[in-house]
Amino acid sequence: MKGFDSEIEKAVDRAGKAAGWMFALGVLTLILGGVGSFRDEGGAVWLALPGAGLLFGMGVVINLLAMHLMETWRQGRRPSEEAPGE
């Protein structure tokens, strides 16, 4: 079980990093859309907003799934740790 604990922690850490990268790419998309809007009179920013929103949303989904995995793992372990006679 100890090895599985470390695998769960690694998965949650990877999910946190992925969510961080999604946020960073969303910010980069907004910045590039803003810069591009100077060249084409505002059209690029309207294309960048949905793209950035999707990136932010995927980052949130990844983070929520990681939290759900961790909480499910903790709840699954509680009965075995609190079992009488061990």
C-alpha atoms as a PDB file:
ATOM      1  CA  MET A   1       0.000   0.000   0.000  1.00  0.00           C
ATOM      2  CA  LYS A   2       2.904   2.353   0.615  1.00  0.00           C
ATOM      3  CA  GLY A   3       3.913   2.146  -3.030  1.00  0.00           C
ATOM      4  CA  PHE A   4       0.364   2.906  -4.095  1.00  0.00           C
ATOM      5  CA  ASP A   5       0.316   5.938  -1.768  1.00  0.00           C
ATOM      6  CA  SER A   6       3.336   7.365  -3.533  1.00  0.00           C
ATOM      7  CA  GLU A   7       1.761   6.693  -6.942  1.00  0.00           C
ATOM      8  CA  ILE A   8      -1.377   8.603  -5.913  1.00  0.00           C
ATOM      9  CA  GLU A   9       0.758  11.503  -4.681  1.00  0.00           C
ATOM     10  CA  LYS A  10       2.738  11.506  -7.937  1.00  0.00           C
ATOM     11  CA  ALA A  11      -0.472  11.557  -9.976  1.00  0.00           C
ATOM     12  CA  VAL A  12      -1.844  14.470  -7.956  1.00  0.00           C
ATOM     13  CA  ASP A  13       1.456  16.357  -8.301  1.00  0.00           C
ATOM     14  CA  ARG A  14       1.446  15.798 -12.080  1.00  0.00           C
ATOM     15  CA  ALA A  15      -2.150  16.998 -12.260  1.00  0.00           C
ATOM     16  CA  GLY A  16      -1.228  20.127 -10.310  1.00  0.00           C
ATOM     17  CA  LYS A  17       1.616  20.844 -12.715  1.00  0.00           C
ATOM     18  CA  ALA A  18      -0.646  20.262 -15.713  1.00  0.00           C
ATOM     19  CA  ALA A  19      -3.265  22.623 -14.267  1.00  0.00           C
ATOM     20  CA  GLY A  20      -0.563  25.244 -13.732  1.00  0.00           C
ATOM     21  CA  TRP A  21       0.611  24.898 -17.322  1.00  0.00           C
ATOM     22  CA  MET A  22      -2.964  25.225 -18.583  1.00  0.00           C
ATOM     23  CA  PHE A  23      -3.321  28.458 -16.609  1.00  0.00           C
ATOM     24  CA  ALA A  24      -0.003  29.752 -17.978  1.00  0.00           C
ATOM     25  CA  LEU A  25      -1.006  28.890 -21.548  1.00  0.00           C
ATOM     26  CA  GLY A  26      -4.341  30.641 -21.012  1.00  0.00           C
ATOM     27  CA  VAL A  27      -2.549  33.800 -19.878  1.00  0.00           C
ATOM     28  CA  LEU A  28      -0.167  33.538 -22.830  1.00  0.00           C
ATOM     29  CA  THR A  29      -3.135  33.150 -25.179  1.00  0.00           C
ATOM     30  CA  LEU A  30      -4.734  36.293 -23.770  1.00  0.00           C
ATOM     31  CA  ILE A  31      -1.496  38.263 -24.043  1.00  0.00           C
ATOM     32  CA  LEU A  32      -0.841  37.157 -27.619  1.00  0.00           C
ATOM     33  CA  GLY A  33      -4.467  37.872 -28.513  1.00  0.00           C
ATOM     34  CA  GLY A  34      -4.142  41.356 -27.060  1.00  0.00           C
ATOM     35  CA  VAL A  35      -0.922  42.005 -28.945  1.00  0.00           C
ATOM     36  CA  GLY A  36      -2.423  40.584 -32.127  1.00  0.00           C
ATOM     37  CA  SER A  37      -5.466  42.816 -31.783  1.00  0.00           C
ATOM     38  CA  PHE A  38      -3.304  45.866 -32.458  1.00  0.00           C
ATOM     39  CA  ARG A  39      -2.443  44.438 -35.856  1.00  0.00           C
ATOM     40  CA  ASP A  40      -5.939  43.469 -37.015  1.00  0.00           C
ATOM     41  CA  GLU A  41      -8.122  46.032 -35.213  1.00  0.00           C
ATOM     42  CA  GLY A  42      -9.400  43.822 -32.398  1.00  0.00           C
ATOM     43  CA  GLY A  43     -10.206  40.578 -34.167  1.00  0.00           C
ATOM     44  CA  ALA A  44      -7.507  38.477 -32.516  1.00  0.00           C
ATOM     45  CA  VAL A  45      -8.674  39.247 -29.005  1.00  0.00           C
ATOM     46  CA  TRP A  46     -12.130  37.860 -29.817  1.00  0.00           C
ATOM     47  CA  LEU A  47     -10.511  34.643 -31.002  1.00  0.00           C
ATOM     48  CA  ALA A  48      -8.182  34.493 -27.985  1.00  0.00           C
ATOM     49  CA  LEU A  49     -10.928  34.832 -25.354  1.00  0.00           C
ATOM     50  CA  PRO A  50     -12.661  31.491 -26.021  1.00  0.00           C
ATOM     51  CA  GLY A  51      -9.318  29.734 -26.384  1.00  0.00           C
ATOM     52  CA  ALA A  52      -8.082  31.124 -23.086  1.00  0.00           C
ATOM     53  CA  GLY A  53     -11.391  30.257 -21.454  1.00  0.00           C
ATOM     54  CA  LEU A  54     -11.092  26.663 -22.621  1.00  0.00           C
ATOM     55  CA  LEU A  55      -7.529  26.436 -21.320  1.00  0.00           C
ATOM     56  CA  PHE A  56      -8.532  27.883 -17.938  1.00  0.00           C
ATOM     57  CA  GLY A  57     -11.513  25.532 -17.799  1.00  0.00           C
ATOM     58  CA  MET A  58      -9.395  22.478 -18.576  1.00  0.00           C
ATOM     59  CA  GLY A  59      -6.967  23.505 -15.848  1.00  0.00           C
ATOM     60  CA  VAL A  60      -9.824  23.703 -13.360  1.00  0.00           C
ATOM     61  CA  VAL A  61     -11.176  20.315 -14.468  1.00  0.00           C
ATOM     62  CA  ILE A  62      -7.747  18.693 -14.099  1.00  0.00           C
ATOM     63  CA  ASN A  63      -7.345  20.209 -10.636  1.00  0.00           C
ATOM     64  CA  LEU A  64     -10.810  19.086  -9.531  1.00  0.00           C
ATOM     65  CA  LEU A  65     -10.198  15.546 -10.783  1.00  0.00           C
ATOM     66  CA  ALA A  66      -6.931  15.398  -8.840  1.00  0.00           C
ATOM     67  CA  MET A  67      -8.672  16.573  -5.665  1.00  0.00           C
ATOM     68  CA  HIS A  68     -11.413  14.007  -6.235  1.00  0.00           C
ATOM     69  CA  LEU A  69      -8.839  11.240  -6.688  1.00  0.00           C
ATOM     70  CA  MET A  70      -7.077  12.219  -3.463  1.00  0.00           C
ATOM     71  CA  GLU A  71     -10.297  12.438  -1.457  1.00  0.00           C
ATOM     72  CA  THR A  72     -11.575   9.120  -2.815  1.00  0.00           C
ATOM     73  CA  TRP A  73      -8.280   7.503  -1.897  1.00  0.00           C
ATOM     74  CA  ARG A  74      -8.416   8.937   1.632  1.00  0.00           C
ATOM     75  CA  GLN A  75     -12.000   7.797   2.171  1.00  0.00           C
ATOM     76  CA  GLY A  76     -11.184   4.326   0.906  1.00  0.00           C
ATOM     77  CA  ARG A  77      -8.333   3.998   3.373  1.00  0.00           C
ATOM     78  CA  ARG A  78     -10.194   5.164   6.506  1.00  0.00           C
ATOM     79  CA  PRO A  79     -12.121   1.972   7.299  1.00  0.00           C
ATOM     80  CA  SER A  80      -9.025  -0.223   7.061  1.00  0.00           C
ATOM     81  CA  GLU A  81      -6.987   2.106   9.290  1.00  0.00           C
ATOM     82  CA  GLU A  82      -9.693   2.376  11.966  1.00  0.00           C
ATOM     83  CA  ALA A  83     -10.641  -1.304  11.986  1.00  0.00           C
ATOM     84  CA  PRO A  84     -10.671  -2.776  15.509  1.00  0.00           C
ATOM     85  CA  GLY A  85      -8.284  -5.575  16.313  1.00  0.00           C
ATOM     86  CA  GLU A  86      -5.403  -4.392  14.148  1.00  0.00           C
END
